[in-house]
Amino acid sequence: PRTRASARIRRRCLFGALRFDTLGFVTKERFEALMPPLINLLEDPECGPAAAGLARVDDLLAPALAQLAVAVQAGTGSDLLWKPLNRRLLNLFADASPRVRAGAIGCARAVVEKVGDEYVTLIPETVPALVEALEDADEEVEARARDLTSKIEDLLGESLNDYLVAS
């Protein structure tokens, strides 16, 4: 039977495999097989209550998703598969659960941090979801949205204020 401990071990093993992939293991097909179940973990009630669940997302899931983005680019020579990953995360910015929203924003931040300047191509589709998250009623979601905004601004070297007001 699947337990939380075994799920944690699977995620850590996956992260390790992706992190040390020097042979191009992550193909388009493998990415498409791995990405949905990883993102679905954000909505998994097994992740636990708000604080504990977010800690698990931050410690285990966010690094695995960010590393998956890096590994698929290395394996395919293209960043085109980042778009579906980013879109899935952005859709969760509007989830009914504040824990899921906050977790998705944390995962997006991890991806931004990991892929760096190359994330710039995804900013236009990110801004509308970010605007909504910045106005979230939940303090944790709003704080994480501010943190993500700051990370993107650092990447761009300019403020997003003009983009955020226009959206």
Protein backbone atom coordinates (compact mmCIF):
# COMPACT_ATOMS: atom_id res chain seq x y z
CA PRO A 1 0.00 0.00 0.00
CA ARG A 2 1.05 3.55 -0.70
CA THR A 3 1.86 5.53 2.37
CA ARG A 4 3.01 9.07 2.91
CA ALA A 5 6.51 7.82 3.68
CA SER A 6 6.68 5.84 0.45
CA ALA A 7 5.35 8.80 -1.53
CA ARG A 8 8.06 10.99 0.01
CA ILE A 9 10.70 8.43 -0.94
CA ARG A 10 9.38 8.25 -4.51
CA ARG A 11 9.49 12.04 -4.87
CA ARG A 12 13.04 12.23 -3.50
CA CYS A 13 14.19 9.45 -5.81
CA LEU A 14 12.58 11.16 -8.78
CA PHE A 15 14.20 14.47 -7.86
CA GLY A 16 17.60 12.76 -7.56
CA ALA A 17 17.18 11.04 -10.91
CA LEU A 18 16.21 14.29 -12.60
CA ARG A 19 18.92 16.27 -10.88
CA PHE A 20 21.70 14.01 -12.07
CA ASP A 21 20.31 13.28 -15.53
CA THR A 22 23.20 13.81 -17.91
CA LEU A 23 22.01 11.40 -20.58
CA GLY A 24 18.81 13.14 -21.69
CA PHE A 25 16.50 10.69 -19.90
CA VAL A 26 13.60 13.15 -19.82
CA THR A 27 12.08 13.03 -23.28
CA LYS A 28 8.83 14.68 -24.34
CA GLU A 29 6.98 11.43 -23.67
CA ARG A 30 8.49 10.96 -20.22
CA PHE A 31 7.83 14.59 -19.34
CA GLU A 32 4.18 14.20 -20.39
CA ALA A 33 3.95 11.07 -18.23
CA LEU A 34 5.64 12.59 -15.17
CA MET A 35 4.32 16.14 -15.07
CA PRO A 36 0.55 15.58 -14.53
CA PRO A 37 0.84 13.21 -11.55
CA LEU A 38 3.41 15.48 -9.92
CA ILE A 39 1.17 18.53 -10.29
CA ASN A 40 -1.83 16.50 -9.11
CA LEU A 41 -0.01 16.04 -5.81
CA LEU A 42 -0.78 19.70 -5.10
CA GLU A 43 -4.46 18.77 -4.86
CA ASP A 44 -3.86 15.55 -2.93
CA PRO A 45 -5.44 15.74 0.54
CA GLU A 46 -2.74 13.31 1.71
CA CYS A 47 -0.33 16.25 1.62
CA GLY A 48 -1.91 17.22 4.90
CA PRO A 49 -3.25 20.35 6.55
CA ALA A 50 -2.19 23.80 5.45
CA ALA A 51 1.16 24.35 7.18
CA ALA A 52 2.40 20.76 7.01
CA GLY A 53 1.15 20.34 3.46
CA LEU A 54 2.89 23.50 2.27
CA ALA A 55 6.13 22.42 3.91
CA ARG A 56 5.97 19.13 2.00
CA VAL A 57 5.24 20.96 -1.24
CA ASP A 58 8.12 23.39 -0.67
CA ASP A 59 10.59 20.69 0.39
CA LEU A 60 9.68 17.89 -2.00
CA LEU A 61 7.34 18.78 -4.83
CA ALA A 62 8.51 22.25 -5.86
CA PRO A 63 12.15 21.16 -6.31
CA ALA A 64 11.05 18.08 -8.27
CA LEU A 65 8.89 20.13 -10.65
CA ALA A 66 11.60 22.75 -11.12
CA GLN A 67 14.16 20.05 -11.83
CA LEU A 68 11.75 18.37 -14.25
CA ALA A 69 11.62 21.64 -16.21
CA VAL A 70 15.42 21.76 -16.39
CA ALA A 71 15.71 18.07 -17.27
CA VAL A 72 13.18 18.22 -20.10
CA GLN A 73 15.01 21.14 -21.67
CA ALA A 74 18.29 19.25 -21.39
CA GLY A 75 16.71 16.08 -22.75
CA THR A 76 14.83 17.64 -25.66
CA GLY A 77 16.89 20.75 -26.39
CA SER A 78 13.71 22.81 -26.14
CA ASP A 79 11.79 24.76 -23.54
CA LEU A 80 8.44 24.34 -25.33
CA LEU A 81 7.20 21.86 -22.72
CA TRP A 82 7.54 24.47 -20.00
CA LYS A 83 4.35 26.09 -21.26
CA PRO A 84 2.01 23.20 -20.29
CA LEU A 85 3.77 22.91 -16.92
CA ASN A 86 3.39 26.64 -16.30
CA ARG A 87 -0.24 26.62 -17.47
CA ARG A 88 -1.14 23.75 -15.10
CA LEU A 89 0.40 25.64 -12.19
CA LEU A 90 -1.30 28.91 -13.15
CA ASN A 91 -4.68 27.16 -13.27
CA LEU A 92 -4.15 26.08 -9.67
CA PHE A 93 -3.59 29.71 -8.62
CA ALA A 94 -7.42 29.89 -8.74
CA ASP A 95 -8.17 26.61 -6.91
CA ALA A 96 -10.82 26.67 -4.19
CA SER A 97 -8.27 25.56 -1.58
CA PRO A 98 -5.86 28.20 -0.25
CA ARG A 99 -3.30 25.43 0.42
CA VAL A 100 -3.41 24.38 -3.23
CA ARG A 101 -3.16 28.00 -4.42
CA ALA A 102 -0.21 28.71 -2.14
CA GLY A 103 1.49 25.45 -3.14
CA ALA A 104 1.08 26.16 -6.85
CA ILE A 105 2.58 29.62 -6.41
CA GLY A 106 5.49 28.10 -4.48
CA CYS A 107 6.07 25.59 -7.27
CA ALA A 108 5.94 28.35 -9.89
CA ARG A 109 8.52 30.30 -7.89
CA ALA A 110 10.79 27.23 -7.77
CA VAL A 111 10.52 26.88 -11.56
CA VAL A 112 11.32 30.58 -12.06
CA GLU A 113 14.29 30.28 -9.74
CA LYS A 114 15.60 27.13 -11.44
CA VAL A 115 15.21 28.08 -15.10
CA GLY A 116 16.21 31.72 -14.60
CA ASP A 117 16.24 34.13 -17.52
CA GLU A 118 14.64 31.61 -19.83
CA TYR A 119 11.38 31.94 -17.89
CA VAL A 120 10.88 35.36 -19.49
CA THR A 121 8.94 33.80 -22.38
CA LEU A 122 6.29 32.61 -19.90
CA ILE A 123 5.77 35.94 -18.12
CA PRO A 124 2.96 37.22 -20.40
CA GLU A 125 0.76 34.24 -19.54
CA THR A 126 1.81 34.35 -15.88
CA VAL A 127 0.89 37.98 -15.15
CA PRO A 128 -2.95 37.65 -15.23
CA ALA A 129 -2.90 34.74 -12.75
CA LEU A 130 -0.39 36.60 -10.63
CA VAL A 131 -2.64 39.69 -10.50
CA GLU A 132 -5.47 37.56 -9.11
CA ALA A 133 -3.18 35.91 -6.59
CA LEU A 134 -1.90 39.29 -5.38
CA GLU A 135 -5.49 40.15 -4.46
CA ASP A 136 -6.21 36.81 -2.75
CA ALA A 137 -8.10 36.90 0.53
CA ASP A 138 -5.73 34.33 2.03
CA GLU A 139 -2.63 35.97 3.54
CA GLU A 140 -0.29 33.08 2.71
CA VAL A 141 -1.39 33.04 -0.92
CA GLU A 142 -0.97 36.81 -1.21
CA ALA A 143 2.47 36.70 0.46
CA ARG A 144 3.64 33.95 -1.89
CA ALA A 145 2.31 35.90 -4.86
CA ARG A 146 4.30 38.96 -3.73
CA ASP A 147 7.38 36.76 -3.39
CA LEU A 148 6.89 35.34 -6.90
CA THR A 149 6.38 38.86 -8.26
CA SER A 150 9.64 39.95 -6.63
CA LYS A 151 11.47 36.96 -8.10
CA ILE A 152 10.17 37.75 -11.59
CA GLU A 153 11.09 41.42 -11.18
CA ASP A 154 14.63 40.40 -10.17
CA LEU A 155 14.77 38.28 -13.30
CA LEU A 156 13.55 41.10 -15.54
CA GLY A 157 15.52 43.81 -13.81
CA GLU A 158 12.41 46.00 -13.77
CA SER A 159 9.14 46.38 -11.91
CA LEU A 160 6.02 44.52 -13.00
CA ASN A 161 3.76 47.34 -11.78
CA ASP A 162 2.92 48.56 -15.28
CA TYR A 163 2.04 45.00 -16.37
CA LEU A 164 0.07 44.28 -13.21
CA VAL A 165 -2.05 47.43 -13.55
CA ALA A 166 -2.70 46.81 -17.25
CA SER A 167 -3.94 43.23 -16.70
